[in-house]
Amino acid sequence: MSSERTLDQVKTLVNEKDLEFFLCSFVEMSGAPKAKVVPATHLEEMAQEGAGFAGFASGEMGQGPHDPDMISLPDFNSLTILPWRKNIAWVAGDVTVNGAPWPYCPRTILRRQLELARQKGYFLNVGIEAEFMLLKQNEQGDYMPYDTLDNLGKPCYDLRALHRNLDMMTTLIKYMQEMGWSPYANDHEDANCQFEINWLYSDALTSADRHTFFKWMVRTVAEQHGLLATFMPKPFANLTGNGAHFHMSLWDLANKTNYFLDKQDENGLSQTAYWFMGGIQKHARALAAVTAPLVNSYKRLIRGAPRSGATWAPVYVTYGGSNRTQMMRIPGPGRFENRTLDGATNPYLASAVLLAAGLDGIEHKIDPGKRNDDNLYQMPEEELRRRNIDFLPTTLSEAIDCLEQDEVVKGALGQEYANYYIQVKRREWTQYHQSISRWETEHYLGLY
C-alpha cells in the first residue's frame, strides 16, 4: 500500500518536473472524466479548496441547475504526469457539496465500499483488461474499422495487423512504462482493428483511476493519429465487442497475503475465493446493470457467433477454469476474472458492487457449485436449464429490474444513488425503445 502523497511532496514534484498546470478531475455516472485546468501557481488553493463545478452541467451527478457547486478535492496519490505533455499533471478527485462527501460521486461510492471491506480485514486488488477499436469515418460519415488491410475473418493476434499499428501501440506502452504501470502485453484482439494492452494490477481505487486515465489517453493518442478510439461494448453487429474484464483478489490489509490463494486446491483458490464467487453468482443479474450499463451492452452479451466465431462474452452465470465461455474464469491461482464487464463500465461503480456481492458471499458462505468445463456456447438450452444454470439479463431494462430487487447491490451504491441510477437507466431504455432504427425502416417501411 502506498503512503499518502502530501502537499509538500507535490510542491517538490512541481519544482523537479517543471509542472505548470493540473487537470483537476472527477467522473460522472458514465465514467467520463471531467476536469478544470488549474495553474500550478494555485496548487495550494486547489489542494485546500478543490475545483468548483456546476453539477447539472457535468453529466449525471444528481444535481439540478439550482444546486450549489460541486467541489472536486484532488487525491494526490492519483497524480499522473501526462507523458505527451510533461508540464501537465492529471489528478483524480472526490466530489463534495457544501463541505460534505457527495453521494452521487462514483469515486466516493467506491471509497465507502473499500472502507467497509477494510473493517472486515480485506484489501481488494483489481486488474483490468480494456479492449478498444480504432475507427475512421467513410465518405457517408459512418464509422468503420480504419485499416482496410485488417480484414481477416479471425484476426486475433495477427502479426501483420499488429505491425501496422506498432507506432501507436509502442507509444502507449512507453507512456504506461513512464507512468510506472508496468504494462506486460499488447495484442491485436478478436475483431478487426481491435486491440488490448494489459498492465499490472493494483489496489481497486488505483486501478479505477488508471482505467479512467487509460481510456482518455488511448483516445488522445488515436486522435493524434487521425483516428477515433472507441471502448463501446458492441460497435458492429458482425464483430466481437469490447470487454473490460476484471481480475479480482482479496488480500490482508498490508497487501502481503492473498486470501484467494490456496496452492493445494485444484484451481489454486481458497474457500474464501469460492464464497466470493458464490456471492457474485447470487447477485449476477443485478450486477449486470452496473457492469454492463448500456442498451448496447446487451448486444455484446449474446450467444450467437460474430464473424470471428465467438462473442467471447458470457451469457450464463457460471465459473470455470481457463474457459472463456464462463462468466467467471480462473486464469491462474489466487484470482479470478469476471468477463461480464464491458468498455462502458464505470470502474469505480463496478468495483464497489462486485466487492459488495463478493463480501455477501463470504458472509453467508455461498457455494458457487462445481467448476464448469463445458463449451456453454454449444450446450443446448434445455441442458442448461436442467443443470439450473442461470441466465444473465438480455436487455438493460431486465437488468434494471433485477437491480431494483437486489438490496445488497443497491446498498453498495447507496440507496439514494441506486434510486437515481435506476431512474437514469430507465430513461435511457425508454429513449432507446422509442427511437426508430434503420433495421425497422428496412424491414417494415415497404411492407406495411
Protein backbone atom coordinates (compact mmCIF):
# COMPACT_ATOMS: atom_id res chain seq x y z
CA MET A 1 0.00 0.00 0.00
CA SER A 2 1.39 3.38 -0.96
CA SER A 3 1.60 6.16 1.62
CA GLU A 4 -0.38 9.35 1.17
CA ARG A 5 1.29 11.93 -1.05
CA THR A 6 1.48 15.19 0.87
CA LEU A 7 1.10 18.72 -0.44
CA ASP A 8 4.77 19.40 0.29
CA GLN A 9 5.74 16.38 -1.81
CA VAL A 10 3.58 17.68 -4.66
CA LYS A 11 5.25 21.09 -4.40
CA THR A 12 8.63 19.38 -4.68
CA LEU A 13 7.39 17.45 -7.70
CA VAL A 14 6.19 20.67 -9.33
CA ASN A 15 9.68 22.14 -9.00
CA GLU A 16 11.53 18.98 -10.03
CA LYS A 17 9.34 18.23 -13.06
CA ASP A 18 8.61 21.82 -14.08
CA LEU A 19 4.87 21.25 -13.82
CA GLU A 20 2.84 24.28 -14.91
CA PHE A 21 -0.75 23.01 -14.84
CA PHE A 22 -3.05 20.45 -13.22
CA LEU A 23 -6.13 18.82 -14.66
CA CYS A 24 -8.33 18.60 -11.55
CA SER A 25 -10.71 15.81 -12.50
CA PHE A 26 -13.64 13.64 -11.43
CA VAL A 27 -16.01 11.21 -13.20
CA GLU A 28 -19.78 11.18 -13.51
CA MET A 29 -22.08 8.16 -13.82
CA SER A 30 -20.90 7.12 -17.28
CA GLY A 31 -17.27 7.15 -16.13
CA ALA A 32 -16.46 10.04 -18.45
CA PRO A 33 -13.77 12.25 -16.88
CA LYS A 34 -14.47 15.94 -16.36
CA ALA A 35 -11.77 18.47 -15.47
CA LYS A 36 -10.65 22.04 -14.97
CA VAL A 37 -7.20 23.37 -15.77
CA VAL A 38 -5.57 24.80 -12.63
CA PRO A 39 -2.22 26.60 -12.89
CA ALA A 40 0.45 25.19 -10.61
CA THR A 41 0.77 28.66 -9.12
CA HIS A 42 -2.60 27.93 -7.44
CA LEU A 43 -1.66 24.43 -6.24
CA GLU A 44 -2.14 25.21 -2.57
CA GLU A 45 -5.57 26.70 -3.18
CA MET A 46 -6.57 23.65 -5.26
CA ALA A 47 -5.34 21.28 -2.55
CA GLN A 48 -7.33 23.01 0.18
CA GLU A 49 -10.43 24.17 -1.68
CA GLY A 50 -10.56 21.93 -4.74
CA ALA A 51 -12.00 22.97 -8.09
CA GLY A 52 -15.63 24.02 -8.45
CA PHE A 53 -18.09 22.62 -11.00
CA ALA A 54 -21.73 23.20 -11.86
CA GLY A 55 -23.01 19.67 -11.29
CA PHE A 56 -26.04 19.92 -13.57
CA ALA A 57 -23.71 20.73 -16.49
CA SER A 58 -21.31 17.90 -15.64
CA GLY A 59 -23.40 14.86 -16.51
CA GLU A 60 -25.38 12.55 -14.23
CA MET A 61 -24.26 13.87 -10.85
CA GLY A 62 -27.60 14.19 -9.06
CA GLN A 63 -27.86 17.95 -9.39
CA GLY A 64 -30.21 20.47 -10.95
CA PRO A 65 -29.38 23.97 -12.21
CA HIS A 66 -30.47 25.38 -8.84
CA ASP A 67 -27.97 23.35 -6.75
CA PRO A 68 -24.72 24.66 -5.21
CA ASP A 69 -21.40 23.96 -6.89
CA MET A 70 -19.71 20.62 -6.58
CA ILE A 71 -16.09 20.70 -5.42
CA SER A 72 -13.59 18.13 -6.65
CA LEU A 73 -10.97 17.68 -3.95
CA PRO A 74 -7.80 16.25 -5.53
CA ASP A 75 -6.35 12.96 -4.33
CA PHE A 76 -2.65 13.47 -4.99
CA ASN A 77 -1.97 9.73 -4.81
CA SER A 78 -3.57 9.61 -8.26
CA LEU A 79 -1.33 12.37 -9.69
CA THR A 80 -0.21 11.40 -13.18
CA ILE A 81 2.10 13.48 -15.35
CA LEU A 82 0.94 13.43 -18.97
CA PRO A 83 3.70 11.64 -20.93
CA TRP A 84 2.81 13.60 -24.06
CA ARG A 85 2.68 16.99 -22.25
CA LYS A 86 5.10 16.75 -19.38
CA ASN A 87 4.27 20.16 -17.94
CA ILE A 88 0.74 18.99 -17.07
CA ALA A 89 -0.46 16.53 -14.41
CA TRP A 90 -3.87 14.87 -14.10
CA VAL A 91 -5.27 14.24 -10.65
CA ALA A 92 -8.48 12.40 -9.74
CA GLY A 93 -10.74 13.94 -7.15
CA ASP A 94 -13.56 13.16 -4.75
CA VAL A 95 -16.64 15.35 -5.02
CA THR A 96 -18.08 17.29 -2.09
CA VAL A 97 -21.02 19.68 -1.83
CA ASN A 98 -21.23 22.20 1.00
CA GLY A 99 -18.23 20.52 2.60
CA ALA A 100 -19.76 17.03 2.75
CA PRO A 101 -18.97 13.96 0.60
CA TRP A 102 -21.38 13.86 -2.33
CA PRO A 103 -23.28 10.53 -2.52
CA TYR A 104 -23.53 10.81 -6.31
CA CYS A 105 -19.73 10.71 -6.78
CA PRO A 106 -18.66 7.28 -8.14
CA ARG A 107 -15.18 7.52 -6.62
CA THR A 108 -16.69 8.30 -3.22
CA ILE A 109 -19.01 5.28 -3.57
CA LEU A 110 -16.01 3.01 -4.16
CA ARG A 111 -14.09 4.56 -1.26
CA ARG A 112 -17.03 3.84 1.04
CA GLN A 113 -17.24 0.19 -0.01
CA LEU A 114 -13.46 -0.25 0.32
CA GLU A 115 -13.68 1.09 3.86
CA LEU A 116 -16.39 -1.44 4.70
CA ALA A 117 -14.12 -4.18 3.36
CA ARG A 118 -11.19 -2.79 5.36
CA GLN A 119 -13.25 -3.02 8.54
CA LYS A 120 -13.66 -6.73 7.81
CA GLY A 121 -9.90 -7.07 7.27
CA TYR A 122 -9.92 -7.17 3.47
CA PHE A 123 -7.99 -5.25 0.80
CA LEU A 124 -9.14 -5.53 -2.82
CA ASN A 125 -6.77 -5.75 -5.77
CA VAL A 126 -8.08 -5.39 -9.31
CA GLY A 127 -6.55 -5.78 -12.77
CA ILE A 128 -8.48 -4.60 -15.84
CA GLU A 129 -8.19 -5.80 -19.45
CA ALA A 130 -9.52 -2.92 -21.55
CA GLU A 131 -10.29 -3.63 -25.21
CA PHE A 132 -10.78 -0.89 -27.80
CA MET A 133 -11.21 -0.41 -31.54
CA LEU A 134 -9.60 2.08 -33.90
CA LEU A 135 -12.04 3.58 -36.38
CA LYS A 136 -12.35 6.18 -39.13
CA GLN A 137 -15.28 7.73 -40.96
CA ASN A 138 -16.12 6.74 -44.53
CA GLU A 139 -17.49 9.09 -47.19
CA GLN A 140 -21.02 8.62 -45.86
CA GLY A 141 -19.92 9.68 -42.38
CA ASP A 142 -20.29 6.21 -40.89
CA TYR A 143 -17.57 4.84 -38.64
CA MET A 144 -15.75 1.67 -39.67
CA PRO A 145 -12.51 -0.18 -38.79
CA TYR A 146 -9.83 2.12 -40.12
CA ASP A 147 -7.36 -0.37 -41.61
CA THR A 148 -8.73 -1.85 -44.85
CA LEU A 149 -5.97 -4.47 -44.83
CA ASP A 150 -7.17 -5.71 -41.43
CA ASN A 151 -9.88 -7.87 -42.97
CA LEU A 152 -9.29 -11.44 -41.79
CA GLY A 153 -12.23 -13.44 -40.53
CA LYS A 154 -10.22 -14.35 -37.43
CA PRO A 155 -7.69 -11.54 -36.96
CA CYS A 156 -6.83 -12.22 -33.31
CA TYR A 157 -3.06 -12.00 -32.68
CA ASP A 158 -2.44 -11.28 -36.37
CA LEU A 159 1.17 -10.10 -36.61
CA ARG A 160 0.70 -8.16 -39.84
CA ALA A 161 -2.11 -6.03 -38.44
CA LEU A 162 -0.25 -5.57 -35.16
CA HIS A 163 2.86 -4.49 -37.05
CA ARG A 164 0.93 -1.82 -38.96
CA ASN A 165 -0.08 -0.36 -35.58
CA LEU A 166 3.27 -0.61 -33.81
CA ASP A 167 3.83 3.15 -33.75
CA MET A 168 0.65 3.78 -31.81
CA MET A 169 0.89 0.69 -29.61
CA THR A 170 4.51 1.16 -28.63
CA THR A 171 3.80 4.84 -27.93
CA LEU A 172 1.06 3.81 -25.49
CA ILE A 173 3.26 1.14 -23.92
CA LYS A 174 6.11 3.58 -23.41
CA TYR A 175 3.75 6.08 -21.85
CA MET A 176 2.49 3.41 -19.45
CA GLN A 177 6.05 2.40 -18.58
CA GLU A 178 6.90 6.02 -17.93
CA MET A 179 3.95 6.29 -15.54
CA GLY A 180 5.04 3.16 -13.67
CA TRP A 181 2.07 0.96 -14.63
CA SER A 182 4.22 -1.99 -15.74
CA PRO A 183 2.44 -2.94 -18.99
CA TYR A 184 3.28 -6.54 -19.86
CA ALA A 185 1.36 -7.45 -23.03
CA ASN A 186 -0.30 -5.88 -26.06
CA ASP A 187 -2.13 -7.73 -28.80
CA HIS A 188 -4.48 -7.46 -31.72
CA GLU A 189 -7.80 -8.71 -30.40
CA ASP A 190 -10.58 -10.72 -31.99
CA ALA A 191 -12.26 -8.01 -34.07
CA ASN A 192 -10.73 -6.10 -36.94
CA CYS A 193 -8.80 -3.05 -35.67
CA GLN A 194 -9.36 -4.14 -32.06
CA PHE A 195 -6.54 -4.06 -29.51
CA GLU A 196 -5.80 -4.60 -25.85
CA ILE A 197 -2.94 -3.53 -23.57
CA ASN A 198 -2.54 -5.24 -20.20
CA TRP A 199 -0.80 -3.71 -17.21
CA LEU A 200 -0.06 -4.82 -13.66
CA TYR A 201 -2.92 -4.98 -11.16
CA SER A 202 -3.18 -2.52 -8.28
CA ASP A 203 -5.48 -1.74 -5.40
CA ALA A 204 -9.04 -1.20 -6.61
CA LEU A 205 -9.01 2.60 -6.33
CA THR A 206 -5.72 2.96 -8.20
CA SER A 207 -6.88 0.57 -10.92
CA ALA A 208 -10.10 2.55 -11.36
CA ASP A 209 -8.11 5.79 -11.62
CA ARG A 210 -5.73 4.22 -14.14
CA HIS A 211 -8.53 2.72 -16.20
CA THR A 212 -10.16 6.14 -16.40
CA PHE A 213 -6.88 7.76 -17.45
CA PHE A 214 -6.10 4.90 -19.88
CA LYS A 215 -9.31 5.36 -21.85
CA TRP A 216 -8.68 9.09 -22.15
CA MET A 217 -5.03 8.52 -23.10
CA VAL A 218 -5.90 5.97 -25.81
CA ARG A 219 -8.46 8.31 -27.33
CA THR A 220 -5.97 11.18 -27.23
CA VAL A 221 -3.20 9.22 -28.95
CA ALA A 222 -5.67 7.87 -31.52
CA GLU A 223 -6.76 11.42 -32.35
CA GLN A 224 -3.10 12.33 -32.86
CA HIS A 225 -3.08 9.58 -35.50
CA GLY A 226 -6.27 10.88 -37.12
CA LEU A 227 -8.40 8.05 -35.69
CA LEU A 228 -11.25 7.50 -33.27
CA ALA A 229 -10.69 5.00 -30.47
CA THR A 230 -13.85 3.53 -29.01
CA PHE A 231 -14.50 1.34 -25.97
CA MET A 232 -18.18 0.98 -26.92
CA PRO A 233 -19.38 -2.51 -25.96
CA LYS A 234 -20.66 -3.53 -29.40
CA PRO A 235 -19.90 -1.07 -32.23
CA PHE A 236 -20.56 -3.58 -35.03
CA ALA A 237 -23.07 -6.43 -35.14
CA ASN A 238 -20.71 -8.72 -37.08
CA LEU A 239 -17.62 -8.19 -34.90
CA THR A 240 -16.64 -9.09 -31.35
CA GLY A 241 -17.40 -6.38 -28.79
CA ASN A 242 -15.14 -4.54 -26.35
CA GLY A 243 -14.79 -6.10 -22.91
CA ALA A 244 -13.16 -4.77 -19.75
CA HIS A 245 -12.53 -7.99 -17.84
CA PHE A 246 -11.89 -7.53 -14.11
CA HIS A 247 -9.34 -9.76 -12.35
CA MET A 248 -10.02 -9.71 -8.61
CA SER A 249 -8.37 -10.93 -5.41
CA LEU A 250 -8.75 -10.13 -1.70
CA TRP A 251 -5.64 -9.55 0.42
CA ASP A 252 -4.83 -8.72 4.03
CA LEU A 253 -4.70 -5.04 5.00
CA ALA A 254 -0.93 -4.92 4.49
CA ASN A 255 -1.47 -6.22 0.93
CA LYS A 256 1.00 -9.03 1.61
CA THR A 257 -1.15 -12.16 1.90
CA ASN A 258 -3.55 -13.21 -0.86
CA TYR A 259 -6.68 -14.59 0.80
CA PHE A 260 -7.81 -16.10 -2.51
CA LEU A 261 -4.73 -18.30 -2.89
CA ASP A 262 -4.65 -21.98 -1.93
CA LYS A 263 -1.89 -23.89 -3.70
CA GLN A 264 -3.39 -27.21 -2.61
CA ASP A 265 -6.70 -26.56 -4.38
CA GLU A 266 -7.13 -27.87 -7.94
CA ASN A 267 -7.93 -24.33 -9.12
CA GLY A 268 -5.48 -22.60 -6.80
CA LEU A 269 -8.35 -20.93 -4.94
CA SER A 270 -9.20 -20.75 -1.26
CA GLN A 271 -12.59 -21.34 0.31
CA THR A 272 -12.84 -17.56 0.73
CA ALA A 273 -12.43 -17.13 -3.02
CA TYR A 274 -15.16 -19.68 -3.76
CA TRP A 275 -17.56 -17.95 -1.38
CA PHE A 276 -16.71 -14.60 -3.00
CA MET A 277 -17.51 -16.07 -6.43
CA GLY A 278 -20.71 -17.51 -4.97
CA GLY A 279 -21.77 -14.02 -3.94
CA ILE A 280 -21.11 -12.67 -7.41
CA GLN A 281 -23.13 -15.51 -8.90
CA LYS A 282 -26.02 -14.87 -6.50
CA HIS A 283 -26.16 -11.19 -7.43
CA ALA A 284 -25.02 -11.55 -11.07
CA ARG A 285 -28.29 -10.46 -12.68
CA ALA A 286 -28.42 -7.25 -10.62
CA LEU A 287 -24.68 -6.62 -11.02
CA ALA A 288 -25.16 -6.61 -14.80
CA ALA A 289 -26.99 -3.29 -14.58
CA VAL A 290 -23.69 -1.75 -13.43
CA THR A 291 -21.08 -3.93 -15.14
CA ALA A 292 -22.95 -3.84 -18.48
CA PRO A 293 -24.53 -0.40 -18.14
CA LEU A 294 -25.77 0.46 -21.64
CA VAL A 295 -28.52 -0.60 -24.00
CA ASN A 296 -25.68 -1.53 -26.32
CA SER A 297 -24.02 -3.73 -23.67
CA TYR A 298 -26.62 -6.45 -24.18
CA LYS A 299 -25.79 -6.71 -27.86
CA ARG A 300 -22.37 -7.92 -26.71
CA LEU A 301 -23.79 -10.34 -24.14
CA ILE A 302 -25.24 -12.70 -26.74
CA ARG A 303 -24.84 -16.35 -27.55
CA GLY A 304 -24.73 -16.09 -31.33
CA ALA A 305 -21.36 -16.02 -33.05
CA PRO A 306 -19.99 -12.97 -34.88
CA ARG A 307 -17.80 -13.35 -37.92
CA SER A 308 -14.74 -14.38 -35.88
CA GLY A 309 -16.55 -17.40 -34.46
CA ALA A 310 -17.37 -16.45 -30.84
CA THR A 311 -18.66 -13.50 -28.84
CA TRP A 312 -16.07 -14.10 -26.07
CA ALA A 313 -18.72 -12.66 -23.75
CA PRO A 314 -20.60 -14.61 -21.05
CA VAL A 315 -24.31 -15.28 -21.10
CA TYR A 316 -24.65 -17.74 -18.23
CA VAL A 317 -23.93 -17.42 -14.50
CA THR A 318 -21.12 -19.93 -14.10
CA TYR A 319 -17.43 -20.25 -13.32
CA GLY A 320 -14.73 -22.43 -14.82
CA GLY A 321 -11.02 -22.84 -15.31
CA SER A 322 -9.32 -21.19 -18.26
CA ASN A 323 -12.62 -21.39 -20.12
CA ARG A 324 -13.75 -18.22 -21.86
CA THR A 325 -17.38 -19.31 -22.22
CA GLN A 326 -17.89 -18.84 -18.46
CA MET A 327 -18.92 -15.68 -16.64
CA MET A 328 -16.00 -16.14 -14.25
CA ARG A 329 -12.75 -17.66 -15.47
CA ILE A 330 -9.85 -18.85 -13.32
CA PRO A 331 -6.76 -17.97 -15.39
CA GLY A 332 -4.32 -18.81 -12.60
CA PRO A 333 -4.02 -19.44 -8.85
CA GLY A 334 -5.23 -16.83 -6.39
CA ARG A 335 -7.54 -14.78 -8.60
CA PHE A 336 -10.48 -14.99 -10.96
CA GLU A 337 -11.63 -12.97 -13.95
CA ASN A 338 -15.15 -11.59 -14.32
CA ARG A 339 -15.95 -11.39 -18.03
CA THR A 340 -19.32 -9.60 -17.85
CA LEU A 341 -17.79 -6.13 -17.76
CA ASP A 342 -17.53 -4.14 -20.96
CA GLY A 343 -15.88 -0.98 -22.22
CA ALA A 344 -18.69 1.25 -20.93
CA THR A 345 -18.17 0.11 -17.33
CA ASN A 346 -17.58 2.82 -14.75
CA PRO A 347 -14.68 1.14 -12.89
CA TYR A 348 -15.48 2.85 -9.58
CA LEU A 349 -19.09 1.71 -9.52
CA ALA A 350 -18.25 -1.74 -10.88
CA SER A 351 -15.56 -2.38 -8.26
CA ALA A 352 -17.90 -1.23 -5.50
CA VAL A 353 -20.80 -3.51 -6.41
CA LEU A 354 -18.63 -6.54 -7.21
CA LEU A 355 -16.87 -6.17 -3.86
CA ALA A 356 -20.19 -5.91 -2.03
CA ALA A 357 -21.56 -9.01 -3.75
CA GLY A 358 -18.38 -10.96 -3.01
CA LEU A 359 -18.38 -9.95 0.66
CA ASP A 360 -22.01 -11.04 0.88
CA GLY A 361 -20.89 -14.40 -0.47
CA ILE A 362 -18.20 -14.68 2.20
CA GLU A 363 -20.56 -13.62 4.99
CA HIS A 364 -23.21 -16.18 4.02
CA LYS A 365 -20.75 -18.83 2.76
CA ILE A 366 -22.44 -19.06 -0.62
CA ASP A 367 -21.33 -22.13 -2.58
CA PRO A 368 -20.71 -21.34 -6.28
CA GLY A 369 -21.13 -25.02 -7.17
CA LYS A 370 -18.83 -27.15 -9.27
CA ARG A 371 -16.44 -25.77 -11.83
CA ASN A 372 -17.88 -25.89 -15.36
CA ASP A 373 -15.59 -27.14 -18.11
CA ASP A 374 -18.07 -27.29 -20.98
CA ASN A 375 -18.36 -25.07 -24.03
CA LEU A 376 -21.52 -23.28 -22.96
CA TYR A 377 -21.91 -21.63 -26.36
CA GLN A 378 -22.71 -25.06 -27.80
CA MET A 379 -24.73 -26.53 -24.93
CA PRO A 380 -28.47 -26.90 -25.69
CA GLU A 381 -30.67 -24.57 -23.70
CA GLU A 382 -32.70 -27.42 -22.21
CA GLU A 383 -29.48 -28.91 -20.79
CA LEU A 384 -28.52 -25.55 -19.29
CA ARG A 385 -31.89 -25.35 -17.60
CA ARG A 386 -31.65 -28.95 -16.41
CA ARG A 387 -28.39 -28.03 -14.66
CA ASN A 388 -30.05 -24.95 -13.10
CA ILE A 389 -27.58 -22.64 -14.82
CA ASP A 390 -28.95 -19.11 -14.56
CA PHE A 391 -29.01 -16.62 -17.42
CA LEU A 392 -27.73 -13.05 -17.41
CA PRO A 393 -30.28 -10.38 -18.38
CA THR A 394 -30.84 -9.97 -22.10
CA THR A 395 -31.65 -6.23 -22.03
CA LEU A 396 -30.80 -3.20 -19.94
CA SER A 397 -34.43 -3.00 -18.88
CA GLU A 398 -34.32 -6.53 -17.49
CA ALA A 399 -31.04 -5.81 -15.70
CA ILE A 400 -32.50 -2.69 -14.06
CA ASP A 401 -35.49 -4.76 -12.89
CA CYS A 402 -33.02 -7.14 -11.24
CA LEU A 403 -31.08 -4.28 -9.66
CA GLU A 404 -34.25 -2.80 -8.24
CA GLN A 405 -34.89 -6.04 -6.33
CA ASP A 406 -31.34 -6.55 -5.00
CA GLU A 407 -30.70 -4.86 -1.66
CA VAL A 408 -27.02 -5.83 -1.49
CA VAL A 409 -26.09 -4.22 -4.81
CA LYS A 410 -28.27 -1.18 -4.13
CA GLY A 411 -26.68 -0.91 -0.69
CA ALA A 412 -23.22 -0.79 -2.25
CA LEU A 413 -24.29 2.12 -4.43
CA GLY A 414 -26.15 3.76 -1.56
CA GLN A 415 -29.97 3.81 -1.63
CA GLU A 416 -30.09 7.41 -2.83
CA TYR A 417 -27.67 6.82 -5.68
CA ALA A 418 -29.20 3.44 -6.55
CA ASN A 419 -32.63 5.03 -7.00
CA TYR A 420 -31.06 7.76 -9.12
CA TYR A 421 -29.11 5.23 -11.19
CA ILE A 422 -32.27 3.22 -11.84
CA GLN A 423 -34.12 6.39 -12.86
CA VAL A 424 -31.36 7.43 -15.29
CA LYS A 425 -31.08 3.97 -16.84
CA ARG A 426 -34.85 3.57 -17.21
CA ARG A 427 -34.88 6.89 -19.05
CA GLU A 428 -32.05 5.66 -21.29
CA TRP A 429 -34.01 2.47 -22.07
CA THR A 430 -37.18 4.44 -22.85
CA GLN A 431 -35.33 6.80 -25.20
CA TYR A 432 -33.80 3.82 -27.00
CA HIS A 433 -37.08 1.89 -27.15
CA GLN A 434 -38.91 4.89 -28.61
CA SER A 435 -36.27 5.57 -31.27
CA ILE A 436 -36.70 4.26 -34.81
CA SER A 437 -33.74 2.21 -36.05
CA ARG A 438 -32.52 1.59 -39.58
CA TRP A 439 -33.41 -2.08 -39.12
CA GLU A 440 -37.05 -1.16 -38.52
CA THR A 441 -37.32 1.03 -41.60
CA GLU A 442 -35.53 -1.57 -43.75
CA HIS A 443 -37.87 -4.36 -42.60
CA TYR A 444 -41.20 -2.57 -42.22
CA LEU A 445 -41.33 0.59 -44.34
CA GLY A 446 -42.17 -1.04 -47.65
CA LEU A 447 -44.06 -3.96 -46.15
CA TYR A 448 -46.85 -2.14 -44.33
